[in-house]
N, C-alpha and C. Protein backbone atom coordinates (compact mmCIF):
# COMPACT_ATOMS: atom_id res chain seq x y z
N MET A 1 -18.49 -14.11 58.67
CA MET A 1 -17.30 -13.11 58.31
C MET A 1 -17.18 -13.14 56.82
N ARG A 2 -17.03 -11.92 56.23
CA ARG A 2 -16.64 -11.76 54.61
C ARG A 2 -15.18 -12.30 54.65
N THR A 3 -14.90 -12.45 53.18
CA THR A 3 -13.35 -13.01 52.98
C THR A 3 -12.55 -11.85 53.31
N LYS A 4 -12.90 -10.55 53.06
CA LYS A 4 -11.92 -9.35 53.39
C LYS A 4 -11.78 -9.32 54.93
N ASP A 5 -12.76 -9.55 55.69
CA ASP A 5 -12.55 -9.49 57.02
C ASP A 5 -11.78 -10.71 57.64
N THR A 6 -11.94 -11.89 57.07
CA THR A 6 -11.20 -13.00 57.44
C THR A 6 -9.60 -12.69 57.23
N VAL A 7 -9.34 -12.28 56.05
CA VAL A 7 -7.92 -11.79 55.61
C VAL A 7 -7.48 -10.87 56.50
N THR A 8 -8.25 -9.81 56.70
CA THR A 8 -7.74 -8.68 57.64
C THR A 8 -7.40 -9.16 58.93
N VAL A 9 -8.29 -9.91 59.45
CA VAL A 9 -8.05 -10.51 60.80
C VAL A 9 -6.88 -11.32 60.88
N ALA A 10 -6.68 -12.33 59.77
CA ALA A 10 -5.36 -13.19 59.79
C ALA A 10 -4.14 -12.51 59.54
N MET A 11 -4.28 -11.39 58.86
CA MET A 11 -3.15 -10.37 58.65
C MET A 11 -2.64 -9.81 60.01
N PHE A 12 -3.56 -9.30 60.64
CA PHE A 12 -3.23 -8.59 62.19
C PHE A 12 -2.76 -9.58 63.01
N ALA A 13 -3.28 -11.07 62.97
CA ALA A 13 -2.80 -11.92 63.83
C ALA A 13 -1.37 -12.16 63.56
N ALA A 14 -1.11 -12.12 62.36
CA ALA A 14 0.28 -12.32 61.96
C ALA A 14 1.33 -11.28 62.19
N PHE A 15 0.57 -10.11 62.19
CA PHE A 15 1.37 -9.06 62.65
C PHE A 15 1.64 -8.98 64.23
N ILE A 16 0.63 -9.40 64.88
CA ILE A 16 0.90 -9.62 66.46
C ILE A 16 2.08 -10.79 66.66
N VAL A 17 2.14 -11.67 65.81
CA VAL A 17 3.06 -12.72 66.10
C VAL A 17 4.45 -12.01 65.71
N VAL A 18 4.54 -11.33 64.61
CA VAL A 18 5.79 -10.62 64.31
C VAL A 18 6.40 -9.70 65.53
N LEU A 19 5.23 -8.93 66.06
CA LEU A 19 5.86 -8.23 67.16
C LEU A 19 6.11 -8.95 68.29
N SER A 20 5.57 -10.05 68.55
CA SER A 20 5.78 -10.87 69.69
C SER A 20 7.05 -11.44 69.49
N LEU A 21 7.60 -11.95 68.40
CA LEU A 21 9.01 -12.63 68.25
C LEU A 21 10.01 -11.55 68.29
N ALA A 22 9.70 -10.27 68.32
CA ALA A 22 10.96 -9.48 68.43
C ALA A 22 11.56 -9.64 69.90
N PRO A 23 12.86 -9.74 69.86
CA PRO A 23 13.46 -10.18 71.06
C PRO A 23 13.02 -9.44 72.38
N PRO A 24 12.41 -10.32 73.43
CA PRO A 24 11.77 -9.76 74.40
C PRO A 24 12.89 -9.33 75.48
N ILE A 25 12.68 -8.31 76.17
CA ILE A 25 13.74 -7.74 77.26
C ILE A 25 13.30 -8.17 78.45
N PRO A 26 14.22 -8.98 79.13
CA PRO A 26 13.84 -9.42 80.62
C PRO A 26 13.98 -8.46 81.55
N VAL A 27 13.00 -8.46 82.54
CA VAL A 27 12.94 -7.51 83.70
C VAL A 27 13.53 -8.30 84.81
N PRO A 28 14.60 -7.88 85.57
CA PRO A 28 15.04 -8.61 86.73
C PRO A 28 14.01 -8.81 87.73
N ALA A 29 13.91 -10.21 88.28
CA ALA A 29 13.11 -10.54 89.40
C ALA A 29 11.67 -10.62 88.85
N LEU A 30 11.35 -10.63 87.66
CA LEU A 30 10.02 -10.69 87.23
C LEU A 30 9.83 -11.68 85.96
N PRO A 31 8.74 -12.43 86.19
CA PRO A 31 8.65 -13.67 85.22
C PRO A 31 8.00 -12.91 83.93
N VAL A 32 7.80 -11.75 83.75
CA VAL A 32 7.04 -11.10 82.65
C VAL A 32 8.13 -10.15 81.89
N PRO A 33 8.29 -10.54 80.73
CA PRO A 33 9.32 -9.69 79.84
C PRO A 33 8.69 -8.44 79.26
N VAL A 34 9.43 -7.47 78.75
CA VAL A 34 9.06 -6.41 77.90
C VAL A 34 8.94 -6.84 76.52
N THR A 35 7.66 -6.71 76.00
CA THR A 35 7.62 -7.19 74.62
C THR A 35 6.84 -5.99 73.67
N LEU A 36 6.69 -6.57 72.47
CA LEU A 36 5.95 -5.38 71.67
C LEU A 36 4.60 -5.91 71.26
N GLN A 37 4.23 -7.10 71.81
CA GLN A 37 2.87 -7.69 71.43
C GLN A 37 1.78 -6.85 71.78
N ALA A 38 1.90 -6.14 72.74
CA ALA A 38 0.74 -5.11 73.29
C ALA A 38 0.45 -4.05 72.18
N LEU A 39 1.40 -3.79 71.59
CA LEU A 39 1.32 -2.60 70.39
C LEU A 39 0.45 -3.23 69.43
N GLY A 40 0.63 -4.67 69.08
CA GLY A 40 -0.38 -5.29 67.92
C GLY A 40 -1.66 -5.32 68.46
N VAL A 41 -1.72 -5.48 69.86
CA VAL A 41 -3.30 -5.73 70.30
C VAL A 41 -3.99 -4.38 70.02
N MET A 42 -3.12 -3.29 70.58
CA MET A 42 -3.68 -2.03 70.48
C MET A 42 -4.28 -1.54 69.01
N LEU A 43 -3.24 -1.73 68.16
CA LEU A 43 -3.52 -1.46 66.77
C LEU A 43 -4.70 -2.36 66.23
N ALA A 44 -4.66 -3.62 66.68
CA ALA A 44 -5.81 -4.44 66.04
C ALA A 44 -7.15 -3.98 66.52
N GLY A 45 -7.21 -3.55 67.84
CA GLY A 45 -8.51 -3.09 68.50
C GLY A 45 -8.93 -1.69 67.82
N CYS A 46 -7.85 -0.78 67.60
CA CYS A 46 -8.11 0.49 67.37
C CYS A 46 -8.56 0.53 65.70
N MET A 47 -7.83 -0.35 64.97
CA MET A 47 -8.01 -0.22 63.62
C MET A 47 -9.07 -1.19 63.11
N LEU A 48 -9.29 -2.38 63.70
CA LEU A 48 -10.27 -3.16 63.21
C LEU A 48 -11.65 -3.14 63.90
N GLY A 49 -11.77 -2.61 64.96
CA GLY A 49 -12.85 -2.50 65.83
C GLY A 49 -13.08 -3.69 66.65
N PRO A 50 -13.99 -3.64 67.57
CA PRO A 50 -14.13 -4.63 68.81
C PRO A 50 -14.11 -6.05 68.29
N ALA A 51 -14.98 -6.45 67.26
CA ALA A 51 -15.14 -7.85 66.85
C ALA A 51 -13.97 -8.31 66.18
N ARG A 52 -13.57 -7.78 65.20
CA ARG A 52 -12.51 -8.14 64.45
C ARG A 52 -10.96 -7.99 65.16
N GLY A 53 -11.09 -6.99 65.94
CA GLY A 53 -9.73 -6.83 66.66
C GLY A 53 -9.51 -7.90 67.63
N ALA A 54 -10.60 -8.37 68.35
CA ALA A 54 -10.66 -9.37 69.21
C ALA A 54 -10.60 -10.89 68.51
N ALA A 55 -11.01 -10.80 67.36
CA ALA A 55 -10.84 -12.16 66.46
C ALA A 55 -9.39 -12.26 66.10
N ALA A 56 -8.82 -11.03 65.77
CA ALA A 56 -7.41 -11.15 65.53
C ALA A 56 -6.50 -11.79 66.50
N VAL A 57 -6.75 -10.95 67.82
CA VAL A 57 -5.95 -11.56 69.02
C VAL A 57 -6.34 -12.86 69.48
N GLY A 58 -7.48 -13.12 69.35
CA GLY A 58 -7.97 -14.62 69.48
C GLY A 58 -7.33 -15.64 68.55
N LEU A 59 -7.21 -15.47 67.43
CA LEU A 59 -6.40 -16.26 66.58
C LEU A 59 -5.03 -16.40 67.04
N TYR A 60 -4.59 -15.28 67.09
CA TYR A 60 -3.09 -15.25 67.77
C TYR A 60 -2.94 -16.29 69.07
N LEU A 61 -3.75 -16.10 69.84
CA LEU A 61 -3.77 -17.04 71.24
C LEU A 61 -4.17 -18.33 70.86
N LEU A 62 -4.91 -18.57 69.78
CA LEU A 62 -5.24 -20.12 69.45
C LEU A 62 -4.08 -20.62 68.71
N LEU A 63 -3.27 -19.83 67.94
CA LEU A 63 -1.93 -20.36 67.55
C LEU A 63 -0.98 -20.79 68.59
N ALA A 64 -1.08 -19.90 69.63
CA ALA A 64 -0.23 -20.21 70.77
C ALA A 64 -0.80 -21.48 71.58
N ALA A 65 -1.84 -21.55 71.60
CA ALA A 65 -2.38 -22.76 72.45
C ALA A 65 -2.20 -23.85 71.67
N ILE A 66 -2.29 -24.07 70.34
CA ILE A 66 -2.16 -25.46 69.87
C ILE A 66 -0.58 -25.67 69.66
N GLY A 67 0.33 -24.77 70.32
CA GLY A 67 1.71 -25.21 70.35
C GLY A 67 2.60 -24.51 69.49
N LEU A 68 2.16 -23.62 68.56
CA LEU A 68 2.94 -22.82 67.74
C LEU A 68 3.73 -21.87 68.51
N PRO A 69 5.14 -21.73 68.25
CA PRO A 69 5.91 -20.77 69.02
C PRO A 69 5.84 -19.45 68.69
N VAL A 70 4.58 -18.94 68.99
CA VAL A 70 4.33 -17.41 68.41
C VAL A 70 4.24 -16.36 69.69
N LEU A 71 4.49 -16.93 70.76
CA LEU A 71 4.62 -15.98 71.95
C LEU A 71 6.09 -15.47 72.33
N PRO A 72 6.20 -14.33 72.93
CA PRO A 72 7.64 -13.89 73.15
C PRO A 72 8.60 -15.04 73.59
N GLY A 73 9.76 -14.97 73.02
CA GLY A 73 10.82 -16.10 73.48
C GLY A 73 10.45 -17.37 72.75
N GLY A 74 9.62 -17.33 71.74
CA GLY A 74 9.32 -18.58 70.92
C GLY A 74 8.56 -19.64 71.83
N ARG A 75 7.61 -19.09 72.73
CA ARG A 75 6.78 -20.08 73.56
C ARG A 75 5.62 -20.34 72.96
N GLY A 76 5.08 -21.39 73.33
CA GLY A 76 3.72 -21.72 72.86
C GLY A 76 3.12 -22.86 73.62
N GLY A 77 1.87 -23.33 73.48
CA GLY A 77 1.40 -24.56 74.10
C GLY A 77 0.46 -24.04 75.28
N LEU A 78 -0.41 -24.98 75.53
CA LEU A 78 -1.45 -24.57 76.76
C LEU A 78 -0.85 -24.16 78.18
N GLY A 79 0.38 -24.91 78.42
CA GLY A 79 0.91 -24.70 79.65
C GLY A 79 1.14 -23.16 79.94
N VAL A 80 1.60 -22.41 78.86
CA VAL A 80 1.71 -20.90 78.91
C VAL A 80 0.60 -20.14 79.49
N TYR A 81 -0.60 -20.61 79.42
CA TYR A 81 -1.88 -20.16 79.93
C TYR A 81 -2.07 -20.33 81.37
N ALA A 82 -1.28 -21.24 81.85
CA ALA A 82 -1.57 -21.58 83.40
C ALA A 82 -0.22 -20.87 84.13
N GLY A 83 0.56 -20.11 83.44
CA GLY A 83 1.84 -19.56 83.78
C GLY A 83 1.39 -18.08 84.33
N PRO A 84 2.52 -17.24 84.51
CA PRO A 84 2.46 -15.97 85.12
C PRO A 84 1.87 -14.94 84.16
N THR A 85 2.11 -15.45 82.86
CA THR A 85 1.48 -14.45 81.67
C THR A 85 0.27 -14.71 81.39
N GLY A 86 -0.27 -15.88 81.78
CA GLY A 86 -1.66 -16.34 81.44
C GLY A 86 -2.84 -15.26 81.29
N GLY A 87 -2.64 -14.46 82.30
CA GLY A 87 -3.76 -13.47 82.65
C GLY A 87 -3.65 -12.31 81.55
N PHE A 88 -2.39 -12.06 81.23
CA PHE A 88 -2.10 -10.81 80.42
C PHE A 88 -2.35 -11.42 79.05
N LEU A 89 -2.36 -12.69 78.79
CA LEU A 89 -2.83 -12.96 77.40
C LEU A 89 -4.29 -12.97 77.16
N LEU A 90 -5.08 -13.48 78.36
CA LEU A 90 -6.53 -13.37 78.33
C LEU A 90 -6.94 -11.85 78.21
N GLY A 91 -6.26 -11.04 79.01
CA GLY A 91 -6.44 -9.66 79.20
C GLY A 91 -6.39 -8.98 77.61
N MET A 92 -5.34 -9.40 76.81
CA MET A 92 -5.29 -8.84 75.63
C MET A 92 -6.50 -9.13 74.65
N LEU A 93 -7.13 -10.28 74.69
CA LEU A 93 -8.31 -10.52 74.00
C LEU A 93 -9.39 -9.56 74.46
N ILE A 94 -9.60 -9.36 75.64
CA ILE A 94 -10.79 -8.48 76.13
C ILE A 94 -10.26 -7.00 75.86
N GLY A 95 -8.89 -6.75 75.85
CA GLY A 95 -8.46 -5.43 75.77
C GLY A 95 -8.74 -4.94 74.21
N ALA A 96 -8.33 -5.94 73.23
CA ALA A 96 -8.60 -5.41 71.79
C ALA A 96 -10.03 -5.20 71.60
N ALA A 97 -11.02 -5.85 72.20
CA ALA A 97 -12.27 -5.50 71.89
C ALA A 97 -12.76 -4.14 72.79
N VAL A 98 -12.17 -3.86 73.80
CA VAL A 98 -12.36 -2.63 74.48
C VAL A 98 -11.63 -1.41 73.62
N CYS A 99 -10.49 -1.65 73.19
CA CYS A 99 -9.69 -0.77 72.30
C CYS A 99 -10.77 -0.36 71.22
N GLY A 100 -11.22 -1.43 70.56
CA GLY A 100 -12.14 -1.15 69.33
C GLY A 100 -13.49 -0.65 69.73
N TRP A 101 -13.95 -0.92 70.81
CA TRP A 101 -15.30 -0.04 71.27
C TRP A 101 -14.88 1.35 71.55
N ILE A 102 -13.96 1.56 72.18
CA ILE A 102 -13.73 3.00 72.57
C ILE A 102 -13.30 3.85 71.38
N ALA A 103 -12.49 3.19 70.52
CA ALA A 103 -12.22 3.80 69.21
C ALA A 103 -13.28 4.23 68.35
N GLY A 104 -14.27 3.15 68.33
CA GLY A 104 -15.42 3.25 67.45
C GLY A 104 -16.44 4.38 68.09
N ARG A 105 -16.23 4.62 69.53
CA ARG A 105 -17.24 5.68 69.93
C ARG A 105 -16.67 6.95 69.86
N VAL A 106 -15.36 7.04 70.20
CA VAL A 106 -14.56 8.26 70.22
C VAL A 106 -13.79 8.82 69.31
N ALA A 107 -13.07 8.05 68.59
CA ALA A 107 -11.97 8.44 67.72
C ALA A 107 -12.61 8.60 66.29
N ARG A 108 -13.28 7.52 65.93
CA ARG A 108 -13.53 7.33 64.25
C ARG A 108 -14.75 8.50 63.99
N ALA A 109 -15.27 8.82 64.91
CA ALA A 109 -16.38 9.87 64.61
C ALA A 109 -15.98 11.24 64.48
N GLU A 110 -14.75 11.42 64.98
CA GLU A 110 -14.08 12.95 64.89
C GLU A 110 -13.61 13.21 63.63
N SER A 111 -13.92 14.50 63.37
CA SER A 111 -13.25 15.01 62.25
C SER A 111 -12.10 15.79 62.29
N SER A 112 -11.79 16.29 63.58
CA SER A 112 -10.55 16.90 64.06
C SER A 112 -9.43 15.92 64.15
N THR A 113 -8.38 16.18 63.65
CA THR A 113 -7.26 15.28 63.81
C THR A 113 -6.66 15.18 65.19
N VAL A 114 -6.63 16.17 65.99
CA VAL A 114 -6.31 16.34 67.26
C VAL A 114 -7.18 15.46 68.24
N ARG A 115 -8.56 15.62 67.93
CA ARG A 115 -9.61 14.85 68.82
C ARG A 115 -9.60 13.44 68.43
N ALA A 116 -9.33 13.13 67.11
CA ALA A 116 -9.24 11.74 66.69
C ALA A 116 -8.04 11.05 67.36
N LEU A 117 -6.88 11.90 67.48
CA LEU A 117 -5.65 11.35 68.12
C LEU A 117 -5.86 10.87 69.33
N LEU A 118 -6.40 11.90 70.10
CA LEU A 118 -6.75 11.70 71.50
C LEU A 118 -7.80 10.76 71.85
N GLY A 119 -8.62 10.46 70.84
CA GLY A 119 -9.53 9.29 71.09
C GLY A 119 -8.86 7.91 70.87
N TYR A 120 -7.90 7.94 69.80
CA TYR A 120 -7.20 6.63 69.75
C TYR A 120 -6.36 6.42 70.97
N LEU A 121 -5.78 7.57 71.42
CA LEU A 121 -4.96 7.37 72.62
C LEU A 121 -5.71 6.81 73.87
N LEU A 122 -6.87 7.37 74.06
CA LEU A 122 -7.89 7.01 74.99
C LEU A 122 -8.18 5.46 74.88
N ALA A 123 -8.43 5.02 73.75
CA ALA A 123 -8.75 3.73 73.29
C ALA A 123 -7.60 2.78 73.67
N ALA A 124 -6.49 3.07 73.10
CA ALA A 124 -5.31 2.50 73.28
C ALA A 124 -4.83 2.22 74.80
N LEU A 125 -5.05 3.36 75.63
CA LEU A 125 -4.72 3.26 76.97
C LEU A 125 -5.82 2.31 77.72
N GLY A 126 -7.13 2.69 77.52
CA GLY A 126 -8.17 1.96 78.08
C GLY A 126 -8.07 0.47 77.97
N GLY A 127 -8.04 0.12 76.60
CA GLY A 127 -8.09 -1.33 76.26
C GLY A 127 -6.77 -2.03 76.62
N GLY A 128 -5.72 -1.43 75.93
CA GLY A 128 -4.39 -2.16 75.85
C GLY A 128 -3.47 -2.00 77.04
N LEU A 129 -4.05 -1.11 78.01
CA LEU A 129 -3.19 -0.99 79.32
C LEU A 129 -4.17 -1.20 80.45
N VAL A 130 -5.24 -0.57 80.52
CA VAL A 130 -6.05 -0.70 81.88
C VAL A 130 -6.66 -2.16 81.85
N VAL A 131 -7.16 -2.46 80.76
CA VAL A 131 -8.01 -3.78 80.83
C VAL A 131 -6.87 -5.08 80.88
N VAL A 132 -5.82 -4.94 80.09
CA VAL A 132 -4.84 -5.97 80.24
C VAL A 132 -4.32 -6.13 81.80
N TYR A 133 -3.89 -4.87 82.20
CA TYR A 133 -3.45 -5.09 83.59
C TYR A 133 -4.43 -5.54 84.60
N ALA A 134 -5.67 -5.06 84.20
CA ALA A 134 -6.83 -5.55 85.45
C ALA A 134 -7.04 -7.07 85.39
N VAL A 135 -6.79 -7.64 84.32
CA VAL A 135 -6.87 -9.21 84.14
C VAL A 135 -5.33 -9.83 84.55
N GLY A 136 -4.33 -9.29 84.17
CA GLY A 136 -3.03 -9.92 84.21
C GLY A 136 -2.64 -9.74 85.51
N ILE A 137 -2.65 -8.73 86.15
CA ILE A 137 -2.04 -8.61 87.68
C ILE A 137 -2.65 -9.44 88.63
N PRO A 138 -3.89 -9.51 88.85
CA PRO A 138 -4.46 -10.38 89.76
C PRO A 138 -3.84 -12.06 89.48
N TRP A 139 -4.01 -12.36 88.17
CA TRP A 139 -3.49 -13.67 87.63
C TRP A 139 -1.90 -13.80 88.09
N LEU A 140 -1.28 -12.87 87.73
CA LEU A 140 0.22 -12.90 88.15
C LEU A 140 0.50 -13.11 89.65
N ALA A 141 -0.29 -12.52 90.45
CA ALA A 141 -0.21 -12.53 91.76
C ALA A 141 -0.61 -13.97 92.34
N ALA A 142 -1.82 -14.54 91.84
CA ALA A 142 -2.23 -15.89 92.11
C ALA A 142 -1.34 -16.87 91.91
N VAL A 143 -0.53 -16.73 90.60
CA VAL A 143 0.25 -17.81 90.06
C VAL A 143 1.74 -17.64 90.83
N THR A 144 2.00 -16.52 91.23
CA THR A 144 3.49 -16.45 91.71
C THR A 144 3.40 -16.35 93.28
N GLY A 145 2.19 -16.27 93.95
CA GLY A 145 2.05 -16.21 95.41
C GLY A 145 2.37 -14.80 95.94
N MET A 146 2.58 -13.85 95.00
CA MET A 146 2.78 -12.40 95.43
C MET A 146 1.43 -11.78 95.84
N THR A 147 1.63 -10.74 96.72
CA THR A 147 0.23 -10.20 96.93
C THR A 147 -0.07 -9.31 95.89
N LEU A 148 -1.43 -8.88 95.89
CA LEU A 148 -1.94 -8.16 94.73
C LEU A 148 -1.28 -6.82 94.55
N GLY A 149 -0.95 -6.25 95.83
CA GLY A 149 -0.29 -5.01 95.87
C GLY A 149 1.26 -5.13 95.49
N LYS A 150 1.77 -6.05 95.59
CA LYS A 150 3.21 -6.48 95.39
C LYS A 150 3.13 -6.73 93.75
N ALA A 151 2.32 -7.54 93.33
CA ALA A 151 2.17 -7.66 91.82
C ALA A 151 1.86 -6.50 91.09
N ALA A 152 1.16 -5.51 91.58
CA ALA A 152 0.74 -4.26 90.93
C ALA A 152 2.02 -3.35 90.81
N LEU A 153 2.66 -3.36 92.00
CA LEU A 153 3.94 -2.47 92.25
C LEU A 153 4.94 -3.14 91.21
N ALA A 154 5.17 -4.28 91.13
CA ALA A 154 6.08 -4.96 90.19
C ALA A 154 5.73 -4.58 88.71
N MET A 155 4.39 -4.58 88.41
CA MET A 155 4.05 -4.22 87.08
C MET A 155 4.23 -2.79 86.69
N ALA A 156 4.55 -1.97 87.75
CA ALA A 156 4.63 -0.45 87.42
C ALA A 156 5.88 -0.32 86.63
N VAL A 157 6.87 -1.14 86.54
CA VAL A 157 7.98 -0.88 85.67
C VAL A 157 7.54 -0.75 84.24
N PHE A 158 6.53 -1.75 83.97
CA PHE A 158 5.89 -1.65 82.61
C PHE A 158 5.16 -0.45 82.09
N VAL A 159 4.76 0.27 82.96
CA VAL A 159 3.66 1.41 82.58
C VAL A 159 4.47 2.39 81.52
N PRO A 160 5.63 3.05 81.72
CA PRO A 160 6.09 3.85 80.85
C PRO A 160 6.12 3.31 79.31
N GLY A 161 6.61 2.06 79.20
CA GLY A 161 6.84 1.47 78.00
C GLY A 161 5.33 1.22 77.29
N ASP A 162 4.38 0.73 78.20
CA ASP A 162 3.13 0.57 77.50
C ASP A 162 2.40 1.96 77.21
N VAL A 163 2.67 2.87 77.95
CA VAL A 163 2.12 4.29 77.42
C VAL A 163 2.79 4.67 76.35
N ALA A 164 4.07 4.43 76.03
CA ALA A 164 4.47 4.67 74.66
C ALA A 164 4.03 4.11 73.74
N LYS A 165 3.81 2.57 73.88
CA LYS A 165 3.26 1.81 72.89
C LYS A 165 1.73 2.41 72.61
N ALA A 166 1.06 3.00 73.54
CA ALA A 166 -0.26 3.42 73.24
C ALA A 166 -0.23 4.69 72.36
N VAL A 167 0.79 5.53 72.82
CA VAL A 167 0.96 6.76 72.12
C VAL A 167 1.23 6.44 70.45
N LEU A 168 2.10 5.49 70.35
CA LEU A 168 2.38 4.98 69.09
C LEU A 168 1.17 4.42 68.35
N ALA A 169 0.45 3.64 69.00
CA ALA A 169 -0.71 2.86 68.36
C ALA A 169 -1.91 4.06 67.81
N ALA A 170 -1.82 5.24 68.91
CA ALA A 170 -2.88 6.22 68.54
C ALA A 170 -2.29 7.05 67.18
N ILE A 171 -0.98 7.38 67.18
CA ILE A 171 -0.49 7.89 65.96
C ILE A 171 -0.62 7.22 64.82
N VAL A 172 -0.28 6.01 64.67
CA VAL A 172 -0.58 5.02 63.59
C VAL A 172 -2.01 4.87 63.18
N SER A 173 -2.76 4.64 64.17
CA SER A 173 -4.21 4.51 63.88
C SER A 173 -4.78 5.62 63.17
N GLN A 174 -4.43 6.88 63.77
CA GLN A 174 -4.96 8.24 63.29
C GLN A 174 -4.49 8.35 61.75
N ARG A 175 -3.09 8.07 61.62
CA ARG A 175 -2.43 8.39 60.34
C ARG A 175 -3.11 7.41 59.25
N VAL A 176 -3.17 6.17 59.56
CA VAL A 176 -3.72 5.27 58.63
C VAL A 176 -5.08 5.44 58.37
N ARG A 177 -6.02 6.08 59.16
CA ARG A 177 -7.20 6.26 59.02
C ARG A 177 -7.48 7.25 57.88
N ARG A 178 -6.62 8.00 57.49
CA ARG A 178 -6.49 8.92 56.37
C ARG A 178 -6.66 8.19 54.95
N VAL A 179 -6.06 6.96 54.99
CA VAL A 179 -5.77 6.35 53.63
C VAL A 179 -6.70 5.03 53.65
N TRP A 180 -7.04 4.51 54.80
CA TRP A 180 -7.84 3.20 54.98
C TRP A 180 -9.04 3.31 55.75
N SER A 181 -10.11 3.34 55.14
CA SER A 181 -11.49 3.52 55.54
C SER A 181 -11.73 2.67 56.82
N PHE A 182 -12.01 3.04 58.08
CA PHE A 182 -12.39 2.14 59.06
C PHE A 182 -14.02 1.97 59.17
N ALA A 183 -14.51 2.55 58.08
CA ALA A 183 -16.03 2.51 58.06
C ALA A 183 -16.54 1.07 58.30
N GLY A 184 -15.92 0.04 57.82
CA GLY A 184 -16.53 -1.16 58.00
C GLY A 184 -16.04 -1.80 59.45
N ALA A 185 -15.27 -1.20 60.24
CA ALA A 185 -14.86 -1.52 61.47
C ALA A 185 -16.05 -1.78 62.44
N GLN A 186 -16.09 -3.10 63.00
CA GLN A 186 -17.29 -3.30 63.89
C GLN A 186 -16.87 -3.06 65.45
C-alpha cells in the first residue's frame, strides 16, 4: 500500500470509530442497538473500493479486538466477537468489500448523476445491508438461541434506519465523487 492509501484507510477507520461512539439507541428486547457505524462501513466501501474499504473496516475491527473501546457503547475486546453482535461485525468487513465492488462496477463508471446515485445506493444496500444481515442474523440466532426466523424478524426493526443510512451514503458518495477522484479506488 502506498502512503496515501494507508492514510486514507486510517482516516476512514477513525471515521467509523467516531460514528460508532455516537450514543447507541437501545432496542427493547434485543441485544443489538441502533448505531451509525453501518454508515461508515457503507461510505468506506463506496468511496475507497473493495480492498481499501475492507482494510478500513478491518483496522476498525482490529482496534476493537485488541481492546480499545471503539465499538458502540465504548466496548472492545475479543469477547465482543463471541457475543450477539459478532456476526454483524464480521459482516461489516465483507460488506465493505461488496459495497466497493458494486460501486466500482455500477456507480463510478456512470456519467449520469442519477445513475451514479442509484449505483451507490445499490452498493450501499447490497454490501451494507444485505451482506451484513446475511452474516449477522444467523450469528445472532446461534448465540441467543433464537430460531433463524425469529432473529430475522427481530432485525426487521433495523431495516428502515439502515435503508436511510444507505440513502445518505449514496448521496454523500455521489456528491464527494465530484471533488475527490475515486479513480484510485480498488
